[in-house]
Amino acid sequence: MRFISGLVLGMALCAGTWTLSAQNERAMHPRIAAAIEALRDARAYMAAAPHDFGGHKDAAIRACDNAIRQLQFALAYRGARDR
């Protein structure tokens, strides 16, 4: 039981550190953070749209998901290097 409690505490502390690091990286790279938010907004708009944008809707949503993921990886990389 003590092991599990320690594991949970360790995970919580790591999550908190990651959150602070991620916030710091967004502050250090505001254009990347803004691009992520713009992509999320565009993705939500397309997903809710009643039409398929000439057959490009699904591919555009997947491209937004991939771009968001890659930008998050870029921020995580900087976060690991900036420590």
PDB file of N, CA and C in Angstrom:
ATOM      1  N   MET A   1       0.833  -1.197   0.000  1.00  0.00           N
ATOM      2  CA  MET A   1       0.000   0.000   0.000  1.00  0.00           C
ATOM      3  C   MET A   1       0.873   1.255   0.000  1.00  0.00           C
ATOM      4  N   ARG A   2       1.952   1.216   0.776  1.00  0.00           N
ATOM      5  CA  ARG A   2       2.852   2.373   0.849  1.00  0.00           C
ATOM      6  C   ARG A   2       3.476   2.642  -0.522  1.00  0.00           C
ATOM      7  N   PHE A   3       3.810   1.551  -1.251  1.00  0.00           N
ATOM      8  CA  PHE A   3       4.384   1.697  -2.585  1.00  0.00           C
ATOM      9  C   PHE A   3       3.412   2.414  -3.518  1.00  0.00           C
ATOM     10  N   ILE A   4       2.161   2.001  -3.485  1.00  0.00           N
ATOM     11  CA  ILE A   4       1.144   2.608  -4.353  1.00  0.00           C
ATOM     12  C   ILE A   4       0.950   4.077  -3.987  1.00  0.00           C
ATOM     13  N   SER A   5       0.927   4.390  -2.701  1.00  0.00           N
ATOM     14  CA  SER A   5       0.787   5.786  -2.276  1.00  0.00           C
ATOM     15  C   SER A   5       1.958   6.614  -2.776  1.00  0.00           C
ATOM     16  N   GLY A   6       3.157   6.058  -2.665  1.00  0.00           N
ATOM     17  CA  GLY A   6       4.342   6.764  -3.159  1.00  0.00           C
ATOM     18  C   GLY A   6       4.301   6.948  -4.656  1.00  0.00           C
ATOM     19  N   LEU A   7       3.843   5.931  -5.367  1.00  0.00           N
ATOM     20  CA  LEU A   7       3.722   6.008  -6.820  1.00  0.00           C
ATOM     21  C   LEU A   7       2.739   7.092  -7.229  1.00  0.00           C
ATOM     22  N   VAL A   8       1.590   7.134  -6.581  1.00  0.00           N
ATOM     23  CA  VAL A   8       0.571   8.148  -6.887  1.00  0.00           C
ATOM     24  C   VAL A   8       1.113   9.542  -6.578  1.00  0.00           C
ATOM     25  N   LEU A   9       1.785   9.693  -5.448  1.00  0.00           N
ATOM     26  CA  LEU A   9       2.354  10.996  -5.090  1.00  0.00           C
ATOM     27  C   LEU A   9       3.401  11.419  -6.114  1.00  0.00           C
ATOM     28  N   GLY A  10       4.252  10.487  -6.509  1.00  0.00           N
ATOM     29  CA  GLY A  10       5.273  10.793  -7.514  1.00  0.00           C
ATOM     30  C   GLY A  10       4.667  11.209  -8.838  1.00  0.00           C
ATOM     31  N   MET A  11       3.625  10.508  -9.255  1.00  0.00           N
ATOM     32  CA  MET A  11       2.957  10.861 -10.508  1.00  0.00           C
ATOM     33  C   MET A  11       2.325  12.235 -10.420  1.00  0.00           C
ATOM     34  N   ALA A  12       1.731  12.557  -9.275  1.00  0.00           N
ATOM     35  CA  ALA A  12       1.101  13.871  -9.096  1.00  0.00           C
ATOM     36  C   ALA A  12       2.149  14.970  -9.146  1.00  0.00           C
ATOM     37  N   LEU A  13       3.278  14.743  -8.521  1.00  0.00           N
ATOM     38  CA  LEU A  13       4.341  15.752  -8.534  1.00  0.00           C
ATOM     39  C   LEU A  13       4.909  15.937  -9.932  1.00  0.00           C
ATOM     40  N   CYS A  14       5.091  14.839 -10.650  1.00  0.00           N
ATOM     41  CA  CYS A  14       5.588  14.936 -12.019  1.00  0.00           C
ATOM     42  C   CYS A  14       4.584  15.658 -12.914  1.00  0.00           C
ATOM     43  N   ALA A  15       3.315  15.372 -12.753  1.00  0.00           N
ATOM     44  CA  ALA A  15       2.275  16.033 -13.552  1.00  0.00           C
ATOM     45  C   ALA A  15       2.279  17.524 -13.275  1.00  0.00           C
ATOM     46  N   GLY A  16       2.424  17.895 -12.016  1.00  0.00           N
ATOM     47  CA  GLY A  16       2.474  19.318 -11.670  1.00  0.00           C
ATOM     48  C   GLY A  16       3.678  19.998 -12.278  1.00  0.00           C
ATOM     49  N   THR A  17       4.834  19.309 -12.267  1.00  0.00           N
ATOM     50  CA  THR A  17       6.048  19.859 -12.865  1.00  0.00           C
ATOM     51  C   THR A  17       5.871  20.015 -14.360  1.00  0.00           C
ATOM     52  N   TRP A  18       5.277  18.983 -15.000  1.00  0.00           N
ATOM     53  CA  TRP A  18       5.060  19.060 -16.437  1.00  0.00           C
ATOM     54  C   TRP A  18       4.135  20.218 -16.773  1.00  0.00           C
ATOM     55  N   THR A  19       3.094  20.424 -15.989  1.00  0.00           N
ATOM     56  CA  THR A  19       2.151  21.514 -16.237  1.00  0.00           C
ATOM     57  C   THR A  19       2.854  22.855 -16.127  1.00  0.00           C
ATOM     58  N   LEU A  20       3.671  23.035 -15.095  1.00  0.00           N
ATOM     59  CA  LEU A  20       4.408  24.290 -14.955  1.00  0.00           C
ATOM     60  C   LEU A  20       5.379  24.470 -16.105  1.00  0.00           C
ATOM     61  N   SER A  21       6.059  23.391 -16.504  1.00  0.00           N
ATOM     62  CA  SER A  21       6.998  23.459 -17.610  1.00  0.00           C
ATOM     63  C   SER A  21       6.278  23.806 -18.908  1.00  0.00           C
ATOM     64  N   ALA A  22       5.126  23.161 -19.151  1.00  0.00           N
ATOM     65  CA  ALA A  22       4.356  23.433 -20.363  1.00  0.00           C
ATOM     66  C   ALA A  22       3.875  24.877 -20.385  1.00  0.00           C
ATOM     67  N   GLN A  23       3.428  25.371 -19.249  1.00  0.00           N
ATOM     68  CA  GLN A  23       2.992  26.771 -19.181  1.00  0.00           C
ATOM     69  C   GLN A  23       4.162  27.699 -19.454  1.00  0.00           C
ATOM     70  N   ASN A  24       5.325  27.379 -18.910  1.00  0.00           N
ATOM     71  CA  ASN A  24       6.512  28.186 -19.122  1.00  0.00           C
ATOM     72  C   ASN A  24       6.896  28.203 -20.603  1.00  0.00           C
ATOM     73  N   GLU A  25       6.859  27.040 -21.243  1.00  0.00           N
ATOM     74  CA  GLU A  25       7.218  26.976 -22.658  1.00  0.00           C
ATOM     75  C   GLU A  25       6.228  27.760 -23.512  1.00  0.00           C
ATOM     76  N   ARG A  26       4.945  27.687 -23.185  1.00  0.00           N
ATOM     77  CA  ARG A  26       3.952  28.485 -23.932  1.00  0.00           C
ATOM     78  C   ARG A  26       4.244  29.968 -23.770  1.00  0.00           C
ATOM     79  N   ALA A  27       4.668  30.380 -22.581  1.00  0.00           N
ATOM     80  CA  ALA A  27       4.989  31.784 -22.345  1.00  0.00           C
ATOM     81  C   ALA A  27       6.247  32.184 -23.110  1.00  0.00           C
ATOM     82  N   MET A  28       7.197  31.264 -23.208  1.00  0.00           N
ATOM     83  CA  MET A  28       8.451  31.565 -23.906  1.00  0.00           C
ATOM     84  C   MET A  28       8.291  31.549 -25.431  1.00  0.00           C
ATOM     85  N   HIS A  29       7.285  30.851 -25.910  1.00  0.00           N
ATOM     86  CA  HIS A  29       7.049  30.718 -27.351  1.00  0.00           C
ATOM     87  C   HIS A  29       5.587  31.047 -27.652  1.00  0.00           C
ATOM     88  N   PRO A  30       5.204  32.309 -27.496  1.00  0.00           N
ATOM     89  CA  PRO A  30       3.788  32.670 -27.634  1.00  0.00           C
ATOM     90  C   PRO A  30       3.217  32.449 -29.032  1.00  0.00           C
ATOM     91  N   ARG A  31       4.039  32.527 -30.055  1.00  0.00           N
ATOM     92  CA  ARG A  31       3.510  32.305 -31.410  1.00  0.00           C
ATOM     93  C   ARG A  31       3.124  30.853 -31.621  1.00  0.00           C
ATOM     94  N   ILE A  32       3.899  29.944 -31.042  1.00  0.00           N
ATOM     95  CA  ILE A  32       3.545  28.524 -31.146  1.00  0.00           C
ATOM     96  C   ILE A  32       2.272  28.256 -30.355  1.00  0.00           C
ATOM     97  N   ALA A  33       2.174  28.825 -29.165  1.00  0.00           N
ATOM     98  CA  ALA A  33       0.961  28.661 -28.352  1.00  0.00           C
ATOM     99  C   ALA A  33      -0.250  29.228 -29.089  1.00  0.00           C
ATOM    100  N   ALA A  34      -0.084  30.369 -29.739  1.00  0.00           N
ATOM    101  CA  ALA A  34      -1.190  30.974 -30.489  1.00  0.00           C
ATOM    102  C   ALA A  34      -1.572  30.106 -31.689  1.00  0.00           C
ATOM    103  N   ALA A  35      -0.584  29.503 -32.334  1.00  0.00           N
ATOM    104  CA  ALA A  35      -0.871  28.631 -33.472  1.00  0.00           C
ATOM    105  C   ALA A  35      -1.663  27.404 -33.024  1.00  0.00           C
ATOM    106  N   ILE A  36      -1.311  26.848 -31.875  1.00  0.00           N
ATOM    107  CA  ILE A  36      -2.053  25.700 -31.350  1.00  0.00           C
ATOM    108  C   ILE A  36      -3.503  26.085 -31.104  1.00  0.00           C
ATOM    109  N   GLU A  37      -3.716  27.228 -30.491  1.00  0.00           N
ATOM    110  CA  GLU A  37      -5.098  27.666 -30.222  1.00  0.00           C
ATOM    111  C   GLU A  37      -5.854  27.940 -31.513  1.00  0.00           C
ATOM    112  N   ALA A  38      -5.195  28.547 -32.501  1.00  0.00           N
ATOM    113  CA  ALA A  38      -5.857  28.819 -33.785  1.00  0.00           C
ATOM    114  C   ALA A  38      -6.229  27.509 -34.485  1.00  0.00           C
ATOM    115  N   LEU A  39      -5.340  26.531 -34.438  1.00  0.00           N
ATOM    116  CA  LEU A  39      -5.634  25.233 -35.045  1.00  0.00           C
ATOM    117  C   LEU A  39      -6.777  24.525 -34.328  1.00  0.00           C
ATOM    118  N   ARG A  40      -6.799  24.611 -33.010  1.00  0.00           N
ATOM    119  CA  ARG A  40      -7.904  24.005 -32.253  1.00  0.00           C
ATOM    120  C   ARG A  40      -9.233  24.668 -32.628  1.00  0.00           C
ATOM    121  N   ASP A  41      -9.214  25.980 -32.770  1.00  0.00           N
ATOM    122  CA  ASP A  41     -10.426  26.711 -33.141  1.00  0.00           C
ATOM    123  C   ASP A  41     -10.888  26.315 -34.547  1.00  0.00           C
ATOM    124  N   ALA A  42      -9.949  26.260 -35.497  1.00  0.00           N
ATOM    125  CA  ALA A  42     -10.292  25.888 -36.868  1.00  0.00           C
ATOM    126  C   ALA A  42     -10.821  24.460 -36.929  1.00  0.00           C
ATOM    127  N   ARG A  43     -10.189  23.561 -36.160  1.00  0.00           N
ATOM    128  CA  ARG A  43     -10.626  22.171 -36.134  1.00  0.00           C
ATOM    129  C   ARG A  43     -12.061  22.061 -35.597  1.00  0.00           C
ATOM    130  N   ALA A  44     -12.342  22.766 -34.514  1.00  0.00           N
ATOM    131  CA  ALA A  44     -13.686  22.736 -33.925  1.00  0.00           C
ATOM    132  C   ALA A  44     -14.713  23.305 -34.905  1.00  0.00           C
ATOM    133  N   TYR A  45     -14.339  24.379 -35.595  1.00  0.00           N
ATOM    134  CA  TYR A  45     -15.240  24.983 -36.579  1.00  0.00           C
ATOM    135  C   TYR A  45     -15.550  23.992 -37.696  1.00  0.00           C
ATOM    136  N   MET A  46     -14.520  23.349 -38.234  1.00  0.00           N
ATOM    137  CA  MET A  46     -14.734  22.386 -39.317  1.00  0.00           C
ATOM    138  C   MET A  46     -15.541  21.187 -38.845  1.00  0.00           C
ATOM    139  N   ALA A  47     -15.225  20.688 -37.652  1.00  0.00           N
ATOM    140  CA  ALA A  47     -15.935  19.517 -37.137  1.00  0.00           C
ATOM    141  C   ALA A  47     -17.428  19.797 -36.965  1.00  0.00           C
ATOM    142  N   ALA A  48     -17.770  21.015 -36.599  1.00  0.00           N
ATOM    143  CA  ALA A  48     -19.168  21.374 -36.371  1.00  0.00           C
ATOM    144  C   ALA A  48     -19.886  21.805 -37.648  1.00  0.00           C
ATOM    145  N   ALA A  49     -19.145  22.045 -38.706  1.00  0.00           N
ATOM    146  CA  ALA A  49     -19.746  22.527 -39.949  1.00  0.00           C
ATOM    147  C   ALA A  49     -20.648  21.454 -40.565  1.00  0.00           C
ATOM    148  N   PRO A  50     -21.788  21.875 -41.120  1.00  0.00           N
ATOM    149  CA  PRO A  50     -22.718  20.902 -41.716  1.00  0.00           C
ATOM    150  C   PRO A  50     -22.275  20.425 -43.103  1.00  0.00           C
ATOM    151  N   HIS A  51     -21.263  21.032 -43.682  1.00  0.00           N
ATOM    152  CA  HIS A  51     -20.807  20.638 -45.018  1.00  0.00           C
ATOM    153  C   HIS A  51     -19.400  20.059 -44.927  1.00  0.00           C
ATOM    154  N   ASP A  52     -18.901  19.512 -46.043  1.00  0.00           N
ATOM    155  CA  ASP A  52     -17.614  18.815 -46.000  1.00  0.00           C
ATOM    156  C   ASP A  52     -16.478  19.561 -46.697  1.00  0.00           C
ATOM    157  N   PHE A  53     -16.680  20.854 -46.942  1.00  0.00           N
ATOM    158  CA  PHE A  53     -15.640  21.690 -47.554  1.00  0.00           C
ATOM    159  C   PHE A  53     -15.095  21.061 -48.836  1.00  0.00           C
ATOM    160  N   GLY A  54     -16.010  20.647 -49.688  1.00  0.00           N
ATOM    161  CA  GLY A  54     -15.616  20.076 -50.983  1.00  0.00           C
ATOM    162  C   GLY A  54     -14.863  18.764 -50.858  1.00  0.00           C
ATOM    163  N   GLY A  55     -15.148  18.019 -49.809  1.00  0.00           N
ATOM    164  CA  GLY A  55     -14.492  16.730 -49.620  1.00  0.00           C
ATOM    165  C   GLY A  55     -13.178  16.808 -48.862  1.00  0.00           C
ATOM    166  N   HIS A  56     -12.820  17.983 -48.364  1.00  0.00           N
ATOM    167  CA  HIS A  56     -11.533  18.173 -47.687  1.00  0.00           C
ATOM    168  C   HIS A  56     -11.639  18.200 -46.159  1.00  0.00           C
ATOM    169  N   LYS A  57     -12.838  18.103 -45.652  1.00  0.00           N
ATOM    170  CA  LYS A  57     -13.053  18.268 -44.210  1.00  0.00           C
ATOM    171  C   LYS A  57     -12.271  17.241 -43.381  1.00  0.00           C
ATOM    172  N   ASP A  58     -12.412  15.974 -43.682  1.00  0.00           N
ATOM    173  CA  ASP A  58     -11.750  14.937 -42.878  1.00  0.00           C
ATOM    174  C   ASP A  58     -10.235  15.075 -42.918  1.00  0.00           C
ATOM    175  N   ALA A  59      -9.693  15.306 -44.097  1.00  0.00           N
ATOM    176  CA  ALA A  59      -8.241  15.454 -44.223  1.00  0.00           C
ATOM    177  C   ALA A  59      -7.754  16.711 -43.491  1.00  0.00           C
ATOM    178  N   ALA A  60      -8.527  17.779 -43.562  1.00  0.00           N
ATOM    179  CA  ALA A  60      -8.148  19.013 -42.873  1.00  0.00           C
ATOM    180  C   ALA A  60      -8.169  18.833 -41.361  1.00  0.00           C
ATOM    181  N   ILE A  61      -9.152  18.114 -40.862  1.00  0.00           N
ATOM    182  CA  ILE A  61      -9.219  17.843 -39.418  1.00  0.00           C
ATOM    183  C   ILE A  61      -8.023  17.001 -38.987  1.00  0.00           C
ATOM    184  N   ARG A  62      -7.697  15.967 -39.768  1.00  0.00           N
ATOM    185  CA  ARG A  62      -6.523  15.139 -39.446  1.00  0.00           C
ATOM    186  C   ARG A  62      -5.242  15.965 -39.497  1.00  0.00           C
ATOM    187  N   ALA A  63      -5.139  16.869 -40.469  1.00  0.00           N
ATOM    188  CA  ALA A  63      -3.945  17.721 -40.576  1.00  0.00           C
ATOM    189  C   ALA A  63      -3.845  18.659 -39.372  1.00  0.00           C
ATOM    190  N   CYS A  64      -4.977  19.188 -38.922  1.00  0.00           N
ATOM    191  CA  CYS A  64      -4.977  20.032 -37.719  1.00  0.00           C
ATOM    192  C   CYS A  64      -4.518  19.228 -36.506  1.00  0.00           C
ATOM    193  N   ASP A  65      -5.054  18.020 -36.355  1.00  0.00           N
ATOM    194  CA  ASP A  65      -4.652  17.170 -35.232  1.00  0.00           C
ATOM    195  C   ASP A  65      -3.151  16.906 -35.263  1.00  0.00           C
ATOM    196  N   ASN A  66      -2.626  16.598 -36.443  1.00  0.00           N
ATOM    197  CA  ASN A  66      -1.196  16.323 -36.573  1.00  0.00           C
ATOM    198  C   ASN A  66      -0.367  17.573 -36.288  1.00  0.00           C
ATOM    199  N   ALA A  67      -0.784  18.719 -36.811  1.00  0.00           N
ATOM    200  CA  ALA A  67      -0.050  19.958 -36.578  1.00  0.00           C
ATOM    201  C   ALA A  67      -0.040  20.326 -35.092  1.00  0.00           C
ATOM    202  N   ILE A  68      -1.170  20.179 -34.436  1.00  0.00           N
ATOM    203  CA  ILE A  68      -1.249  20.457 -32.997  1.00  0.00           C
ATOM    204  C   ILE A  68      -0.290  19.549 -32.244  1.00  0.00           C
ATOM    205  N   ARG A  69      -0.308  18.263 -32.586  1.00  0.00           N
ATOM    206  CA  ARG A  69       0.556  17.288 -31.918  1.00  0.00           C
ATOM    207  C   ARG A  69       2.036  17.638 -32.125  1.00  0.00           C
ATOM    208  N   GLN A  70       2.404  17.994 -33.343  1.00  0.00           N
ATOM    209  CA  GLN A  70       3.798  18.329 -33.629  1.00  0.00           C
ATOM    210  C   GLN A  70       4.236  19.604 -32.897  1.00  0.00           C
ATOM    211  N   LEU A  71       3.362  20.589 -32.832  1.00  0.00           N
ATOM    212  CA  LEU A  71       3.695  21.811 -32.094  1.00  0.00           C
ATOM    213  C   LEU A  71       3.835  21.528 -30.603  1.00  0.00           C
ATOM    214  N   GLN A  72       2.996  20.641 -30.075  1.00  0.00           N
ATOM    215  CA  GLN A  72       3.128  20.258 -28.670  1.00  0.00           C
ATOM    216  C   GLN A  72       4.439  19.510 -28.438  1.00  0.00           C
ATOM    217  N   PHE A  73       4.831  18.648 -29.380  1.00  0.00           N
ATOM    218  CA  PHE A  73       6.124  17.967 -29.284  1.00  0.00           C
ATOM    219  C   PHE A  73       7.265  18.981 -29.297  1.00  0.00           C
ATOM    220  N   ALA A  74       7.146  19.992 -30.145  1.00  0.00           N
ATOM    221  CA  ALA A  74       8.190  21.027 -30.217  1.00  0.00           C
ATOM    222  C   ALA A  74       8.324  21.753 -28.885  1.00  0.00           C
ATOM    223  N   LEU A  75       7.203  22.113 -28.282  1.00  0.00           N
ATOM    224  CA  LEU A  75       7.254  22.778 -26.977  1.00  0.00           C
ATOM    225  C   LEU A  75       7.820  21.842 -25.910  1.00  0.00           C
ATOM    226  N   ALA A  76       7.451  20.571 -25.955  1.00  0.00           N
ATOM    227  CA  ALA A  76       7.971  19.611 -24.978  1.00  0.00           C
ATOM    228  C   ALA A  76       9.473  19.438 -25.147  1.00  0.00           C
ATOM    229  N   TYR A  77       9.947  19.424 -26.379  1.00  0.00           N
ATOM    230  CA  TYR A  77      11.384  19.314 -26.639  1.00  0.00           C
ATOM    231  C   TYR A  77      12.120  20.495 -26.034  1.00  0.00           C
ATOM    232  N   ARG A  78      11.587  21.708 -26.288  1.00  0.00           N
ATOM    233  CA  ARG A  78      12.229  22.895 -25.720  1.00  0.00           C
ATOM    234  C   ARG A  78      12.199  22.842 -24.203  1.00  0.00           C
ATOM    235  N   GLY A  79      11.078  22.380 -23.664  1.00  0.00           N
ATOM    236  CA  GLY A  79      10.960  22.283 -22.209  1.00  0.00           C
ATOM    237  C   GLY A  79      12.008  21.375 -21.614  1.00  0.00           C
ATOM    238  N   ALA A  80      12.288  20.253 -22.292  1.00  0.00           N
ATOM    239  CA  ALA A  80      13.302  19.312 -21.813  1.00  0.00           C
ATOM    240  C   ALA A  80      14.697  19.918 -21.943  1.00  0.00           C
ATOM    241  N   ARG A  81      14.930  20.683 -22.977  1.00  0.00           N
ATOM    242  CA  ARG A  81      16.259  21.287 -23.212  1.00  0.00           C
ATOM    243  C   ARG A  81      16.498  22.505 -22.325  1.00  0.00           C
ATOM    244  N   ASP A  82      15.435  23.213 -21.975  1.00  0.00           N
ATOM    245  CA  ASP A  82      15.577  24.473 -21.209  1.00  0.00           C
ATOM    246  C   ASP A  82      15.717  24.258 -19.710  1.00  0.00           C
ATOM    247  N   ARG A  83      15.572  23.027 -19.240  1.00  0.00           N
ATOM    248  CA  ARG A  83      15.679  22.775 -17.797  1.00  0.00           C
ATOM    249  C   ARG A  83      17.069  22.913 -17.294  1.00  0.00           C
TER     250      ARG A  83
END
